[in-house]
Protein backbone atom coordinates (compact mmCIF):
# COMPACT_ATOMS: atom_id res chain seq x y z
CA MET A 1 112.91 81.56 110.37
CA ALA A 2 113.10 85.67 111.14
CA VAL A 3 110.47 86.66 108.91
CA ALA A 4 108.07 84.21 110.71
CA LYS A 5 108.61 85.66 114.24
CA VAL A 6 108.42 88.86 112.79
CA PHE A 7 105.67 89.21 110.97
CA PHE A 8 103.96 86.97 112.58
CA ALA A 9 104.23 87.59 115.97
CA LYS A 10 106.18 91.08 116.59
CA SER A 11 103.75 92.75 114.32
CA THR A 12 100.40 90.84 115.71
CA LEU A 13 100.94 90.62 119.69
CA ARG A 14 99.03 93.64 120.55
CA ARG A 15 96.21 93.18 118.62
CA SER A 16 93.22 91.51 121.22
CA GLN A 17 90.80 89.93 117.74
CA THR A 18 92.21 87.81 114.53
CA SER A 19 91.97 90.04 111.92
CA PRO A 20 91.46 89.25 108.13
CA HIS A 21 94.41 91.33 107.22
CA GLY A 22 97.07 90.44 110.05
CA CYS A 23 97.74 87.34 111.44
CA ALA A 24 97.07 85.29 114.65
CA SER A 25 95.38 87.43 117.55
CA SER A 26 96.75 87.54 120.99
CA SER A 27 95.53 84.78 122.57
CA ARG A 28 97.02 82.36 119.86
CA LYS A 29 100.39 80.84 119.45
CA GLN A 30 102.33 80.08 116.33
CA VAL A 31 103.04 76.47 115.61
CA SER A 32 106.98 76.00 115.37
CA SER A 33 107.79 72.67 114.80
CA PRO A 34 111.70 71.92 115.94
CA ALA A 35 111.39 68.74 113.31
CA THR A 36 111.25 70.49 110.29
CA ARG A 37 111.87 74.61 111.86
CA ALA A 38 109.15 75.59 110.19
CA TRP A 39 106.34 78.28 111.45
CA ARG A 40 102.78 77.39 110.30
CA ILE A 41 99.57 79.62 110.78
CA SER A 42 96.93 78.05 110.42
CA SER A 43 93.35 79.07 108.30
CA LYS A 44 91.60 80.11 111.23
CA ASP A 45 94.27 82.24 112.41
CA LEU A 46 94.22 83.83 109.03
CA GLY A 47 90.89 84.63 109.53
CA ARG A 48 90.19 82.26 105.78
CA ASN A 49 87.82 79.41 105.35
CA LEU A 50 90.26 77.13 104.64
CA GLU A 51 91.72 73.41 105.92
CA GLU A 52 95.33 73.48 105.24
CA ASP A 53 98.12 76.18 107.19
CA ILE A 54 100.83 78.36 106.11
CA SER A 55 104.15 76.61 106.63
CA ILE A 56 107.24 79.19 106.84
CA HIS A 57 110.27 77.63 106.28
CA PRO A 58 114.01 78.95 106.15
CA GLU A 59 113.71 77.20 102.87
CA GLY A 60 110.54 79.03 101.64
CA ILE A 61 107.07 79.73 102.51
CA GLN A 62 103.63 77.18 101.83
CA ASP A 63 100.22 77.84 101.53
CA PHE A 64 98.79 74.63 102.14
CA GLY A 65 95.34 76.67 101.87
CA GLU A 66 95.68 77.67 98.40
CA GLU A 67 98.52 74.99 97.18
CA VAL A 68 101.34 78.13 95.98
CA ALA A 69 104.83 78.80 96.90
CA LEU A 70 105.20 81.94 98.32
CA SER A 71 108.38 84.15 99.31
CA PRO A 72 108.87 86.67 101.68
CA ILE A 73 107.89 89.53 99.74
CA ASP A 74 104.61 87.53 98.32
CA LEU A 75 103.14 87.20 101.91
CA VAL A 76 104.07 90.41 103.03
CA MET A 77 102.47 92.27 100.25
CA GLN A 78 99.16 89.50 100.68
CA ARG A 79 98.68 89.74 104.58
CA ARG A 80 99.39 93.43 104.90
CA ASP A 81 98.18 94.40 101.24
CA LEU A 82 100.34 96.13 100.71
CA ALA A 83 100.80 97.69 97.03
CA THR A 84 104.41 97.02 95.66
CA ALA A 85 107.06 94.58 95.90
CA ILE A 86 109.55 97.87 97.74
CA ASP A 87 106.99 98.60 100.07
CA ALA A 88 106.49 94.89 101.43
CA ALA A 89 110.51 94.48 101.10
CA LEU A 90 110.73 97.98 103.44
CA TRP A 91 108.23 96.93 105.87
CA LEU A 92 110.41 93.50 106.62
CA CYS A 93 113.46 95.72 106.63
CA GLU A 94 111.68 97.97 109.01
CA ARG A 95 110.85 94.80 111.26
CA LEU A 96 114.10 93.41 111.03
CA GLY A 97 116.07 96.41 112.15
CA ILE A 98 118.10 95.99 108.85
CA ASP A 99 118.76 99.69 107.08
CA PRO A 100 118.00 99.11 102.96
CA ALA A 101 120.78 101.00 101.33
CA SER A 102 122.95 97.86 103.68
CA LEU A 103 121.60 95.43 100.97
CA GLY A 104 122.01 97.97 97.76
CA TYR A 105 118.74 100.07 98.07
CA THR A 106 119.14 103.88 97.18
CA CYS A 107 115.74 105.02 96.33
CA LYS A 108 114.16 107.03 98.72
CA ARG A 109 110.87 108.09 100.12
CA PRO A 110 108.90 111.47 100.31
CA LYS A 111 109.49 112.67 103.03
CA GLY A 112 106.05 111.40 105.56
CA ALA A 113 105.18 108.56 102.59
CA GLN A 114 104.38 106.35 104.13
CA PRO A 115 103.67 102.00 102.92
CA THR A 116 99.97 101.92 102.16
CA ALA A 117 98.13 99.02 103.89
CA VAL A 118 94.94 97.88 104.93
CA ALA A 119 95.42 96.90 108.51
CA GLY A 120 98.06 97.31 110.67
CA ASP A 121 99.57 98.42 113.57
CA ASP A 122 98.97 101.21 116.14
CA ASP A 123 101.98 102.93 114.78
CA GLU A 124 100.74 102.25 111.02
CA LEU A 125 99.49 104.39 109.08
CA VAL A 126 96.33 103.32 107.49
CA ASP A 127 95.11 105.41 104.08
CA ILE A 128 91.68 103.77 103.16
CA ARG A 129 89.25 107.33 100.98
CA VAL A 130 86.05 106.41 101.60
CA TRP A 131 83.25 108.25 99.36
CA ASP A 132 79.68 108.60 99.12
CA ALA A 133 78.47 107.58 96.15
CA ALA A 134 76.58 111.00 96.07
CA ASP A 135 80.04 112.19 94.64
CA VAL A 136 79.85 111.27 91.33
CA LEU A 137 76.86 114.10 91.04
CA SER A 138 78.41 116.64 93.06
CA GLN A 139 81.94 117.29 91.52
CA PRO A 140 83.15 116.60 87.80
CA ILE A 141 84.97 113.15 86.39
CA PRO A 142 87.92 113.54 84.26
CA PRO A 143 87.42 111.10 81.38
CA ARG A 144 89.70 108.35 80.31
CA GLN A 145 92.92 109.77 78.97
CA TRP A 146 92.66 107.56 75.51
CA ILE A 147 96.04 107.88 73.41
CA LEU A 148 95.36 106.06 70.70
CA GLY A 149 92.24 104.47 69.33
CA ASN A 150 90.58 102.06 72.32
CA ILE A 151 93.91 100.05 72.35
CA PHE A 152 95.88 102.75 74.13
CA CYS A 153 95.07 104.47 77.39
CA LYS A 154 96.77 106.71 80.91
CA GLN A 155 96.69 104.82 83.91
CA PHE A 156 96.23 101.29 82.26
CA ILE A 157 97.90 98.67 81.09
CA SER A 158 97.34 97.07 77.19
CA SER A 159 98.68 93.74 75.78
CA LEU A 160 99.26 92.43 72.75
CA VAL A 161 98.33 88.83 72.13
CA GLY A 162 98.84 85.96 69.65
CA GLY A 163 100.94 83.14 68.30
CA GLY A 164 104.48 83.71 67.55
CA ALA A 165 106.10 85.48 64.87
CA VAL A 166 102.50 86.89 63.77
CA GLY A 167 103.90 90.39 63.56
CA LYS A 168 103.84 91.83 66.94
CA THR A 169 105.96 93.57 67.57
CA ALA A 170 105.70 95.36 63.87
CA ALA A 171 101.93 96.23 65.11
CA ARG A 172 103.32 97.53 68.01
CA LEU A 173 106.65 99.45 66.22
CA VAL A 174 103.77 101.05 63.57
CA GLN A 175 101.17 102.34 67.05
CA ALA A 176 103.78 104.06 68.66
CA LEU A 177 105.18 105.94 65.61
CA SER A 178 101.26 106.77 65.29
CA VAL A 179 101.21 108.46 68.91
CA ALA A 180 105.30 109.92 68.87
CA THR A 181 103.99 111.91 65.07
CA GLY A 182 100.31 112.03 66.07
CA ARG A 183 99.64 110.37 62.05
CA SER A 184 97.13 107.65 62.66
CA LEU A 185 98.92 105.52 60.77
CA THR A 186 96.97 101.85 61.88
CA GLY A 187 93.59 103.14 61.59
CA GLU A 188 93.32 104.19 64.71
CA TYR A 189 92.28 107.53 65.99
CA VAL A 190 95.10 109.23 67.69
CA HIS A 191 94.08 111.28 70.63
CA LYS A 192 96.73 112.84 71.88
CA ARG A 193 100.09 112.88 70.40
CA CYS A 194 102.98 111.94 73.08
CA ARG A 195 106.57 110.80 74.39
CA VAL A 196 106.58 107.33 73.36
CA LEU A 197 109.68 104.55 75.13
CA PHE A 198 109.68 101.62 73.20
CA LEU A 199 111.50 98.78 75.81
CA THR A 200 112.54 95.66 74.01
CA PHE A 201 113.78 92.75 74.90
CA GLU A 202 114.79 90.72 72.41
CA ASP A 203 115.86 91.86 69.61
CA GLY A 204 119.06 93.70 69.42
CA ARG A 205 119.89 96.98 68.75
CA THR A 206 120.90 96.37 64.79
CA GLU A 207 117.98 94.46 64.44
CA LEU A 208 115.73 97.23 66.28
CA MET A 209 117.00 100.00 63.69
CA ARG A 210 115.98 97.89 60.59
CA ARG A 211 112.17 97.10 61.78
CA VAL A 212 112.18 101.04 62.86
CA LEU A 213 114.12 102.30 59.86
CA ALA A 214 111.50 99.89 57.48
CA ALA A 215 108.71 101.03 59.49
CA MET A 216 109.29 104.74 58.80
CA LEU A 217 110.15 104.56 55.24
CA HIS A 218 107.53 102.43 54.45
CA HIS A 219 104.92 105.20 56.40
CA SER A 220 106.98 108.30 54.85
CA VAL A 221 108.14 109.16 58.57
CA SER A 222 110.54 111.69 58.63
CA VAL A 223 113.23 112.71 60.95
CA ALA A 224 112.02 115.45 62.35
CA GLU A 225 108.26 114.21 63.70
CA VAL A 226 110.46 111.53 65.44
CA HIS A 227 113.31 113.63 67.00
CA ASP A 228 112.88 113.90 70.30
CA TRP A 229 109.04 112.25 70.62
CA LEU A 230 110.00 108.41 70.31
CA PHE A 231 112.94 106.64 72.06
CA PHE A 232 114.15 102.76 72.17
CA ALA A 233 116.25 100.94 74.59
CA ASN A 234 117.68 97.18 74.11
CA VAL A 235 116.93 95.54 77.52
CA SER A 236 118.92 92.76 78.60
CA GLY A 237 119.87 91.18 82.60
CA HIS A 238 117.10 93.13 84.10
CA ARG A 239 113.75 92.66 85.38
CA LEU A 240 111.12 93.64 86.85
CA ILE A 241 110.99 90.67 88.89
CA GLU A 242 113.27 88.37 88.89
CA THR A 243 112.67 84.49 91.24
CA SER A 244 115.75 83.39 93.47
CA GLY A 245 117.68 80.88 93.22
CA ARG A 246 115.18 78.75 95.93
CA GLY A 247 111.81 80.39 93.45
CA ASN A 248 111.22 83.17 95.79
CA ARG A 249 110.44 86.13 93.85
CA VAL A 250 112.12 89.24 94.67
CA PRO A 251 112.07 93.14 93.06
CA GLY A 252 114.08 93.17 89.93
CA THR A 253 116.82 96.38 88.91
CA LEU A 254 114.40 97.22 85.47
CA GLU A 255 111.31 99.19 87.97
CA GLY A 256 113.33 101.76 89.37
CA TRP A 257 115.44 102.52 86.17
CA LEU A 258 111.94 102.45 84.54
CA ARG A 259 110.76 105.06 86.50
CA GLN A 260 113.79 107.02 86.31
CA ARG A 261 113.77 107.41 82.57
CA ILE A 262 109.69 108.52 82.32
CA LYS A 263 110.06 110.77 84.42
CA GLN A 264 113.42 112.09 83.07
CA LEU A 265 112.39 111.83 79.06
CA GLY A 266 108.41 113.00 79.79
CA VAL A 267 107.24 109.44 78.20
CA GLU A 268 103.40 109.16 78.68
CA LEU A 269 103.64 105.88 77.00
CA VAL A 270 106.06 102.66 77.60
CA ILE A 271 106.09 99.62 75.02
CA LEU A 272 107.27 96.25 76.44
CA ASP A 273 108.28 93.89 73.93
CA PRO A 274 107.54 91.20 74.74
CA PHE A 275 106.16 90.74 78.41
CA ILE A 276 107.27 87.54 79.34
CA LYS A 277 111.44 88.61 79.09
CA THR A 278 110.67 91.67 81.65
CA HIS A 279 110.18 89.29 84.64
CA GLY A 280 111.20 85.90 86.01
CA VAL A 281 107.52 84.69 86.78
CA GLU A 282 106.00 81.53 85.30
CA GLU A 283 103.28 82.67 83.62
CA ASN A 284 100.65 80.42 84.39
CA ASP A 285 101.17 81.78 87.81
CA ASN A 286 98.46 84.28 88.53
CA THR A 287 99.71 85.91 91.73
CA GLY A 288 103.32 85.99 90.20
CA ILE A 289 101.58 88.29 87.23
CA ASP A 290 99.87 89.92 89.10
CA SER A 291 102.57 91.34 91.11
CA VAL A 292 104.92 92.32 87.88
CA CYS A 293 101.54 94.06 86.91
CA VAL A 294 101.20 95.87 90.49
CA LEU A 295 104.72 97.09 89.40
CA LEU A 296 103.49 98.80 86.48
CA ALA A 297 100.41 100.03 87.57
CA PRO A 298 100.82 103.58 88.21
CA ALA A 299 100.24 103.83 92.32
CA ARG A 300 97.37 106.81 91.67
CA HIS A 301 95.16 104.35 90.13
CA ARG A 302 94.73 102.84 93.52
CA ALA A 303 93.61 106.07 95.17
């Protein structure tokens, strides 16, 4: 309930008009039902052309207009247009007067850094870069940073889709060897040799070692070729986003760990196998899967 009061009252009462990215204007009130203990915000106040409202209840949040269930993190990311779940969590902590460290959060924002938001209060930074179409002719534009064929490209997410037990992991292993060694083992051109981190959420360490050894022997890859270029980890019990017992999505422990390992190892390509086990989101939930992809996409991709 505190989320409803903070997000839909404290952060918006100073506005004189309804904002499509905010919520209600100062001339409107959000309705609280004593019977259900839920706050309801109309689609009109949300600036959208839908009939049904959003209901915020201690047991969960339901958007009856879009017919989806939301967590507080989802709602803040959606209505405040924040980039990551961590930004949303920190935004909520700030409004609720909670020290993130008391909840176990240990990372610090760079000094002066602010979450990116399309619309916000007067004391929030609105940092949106507008550029002129003529800029495309007045300055050089860097080409896409392809790594392997047209499969892997820096700052982009690549997926390999197929049925079970058809060889997806085997294909990714050989592609990882190609990038790490700089050799075209799959018939795809290696644009750049770079360090690779391969995370498996399915096979155990011994089984993965068998598969890596088999691929190296088959393609005559020596130990010297992969040393300090190709890294593996078997992940269990950690996810990018998890689902609480009430069905709310919350940030997982894997995202922070992954960013640290990328920086520590100098990795330029990360392979997650299989994707479904990197998160606790229903794969038919477009909003949920988008939240996972947002965590994976580089921050500068939005610049």
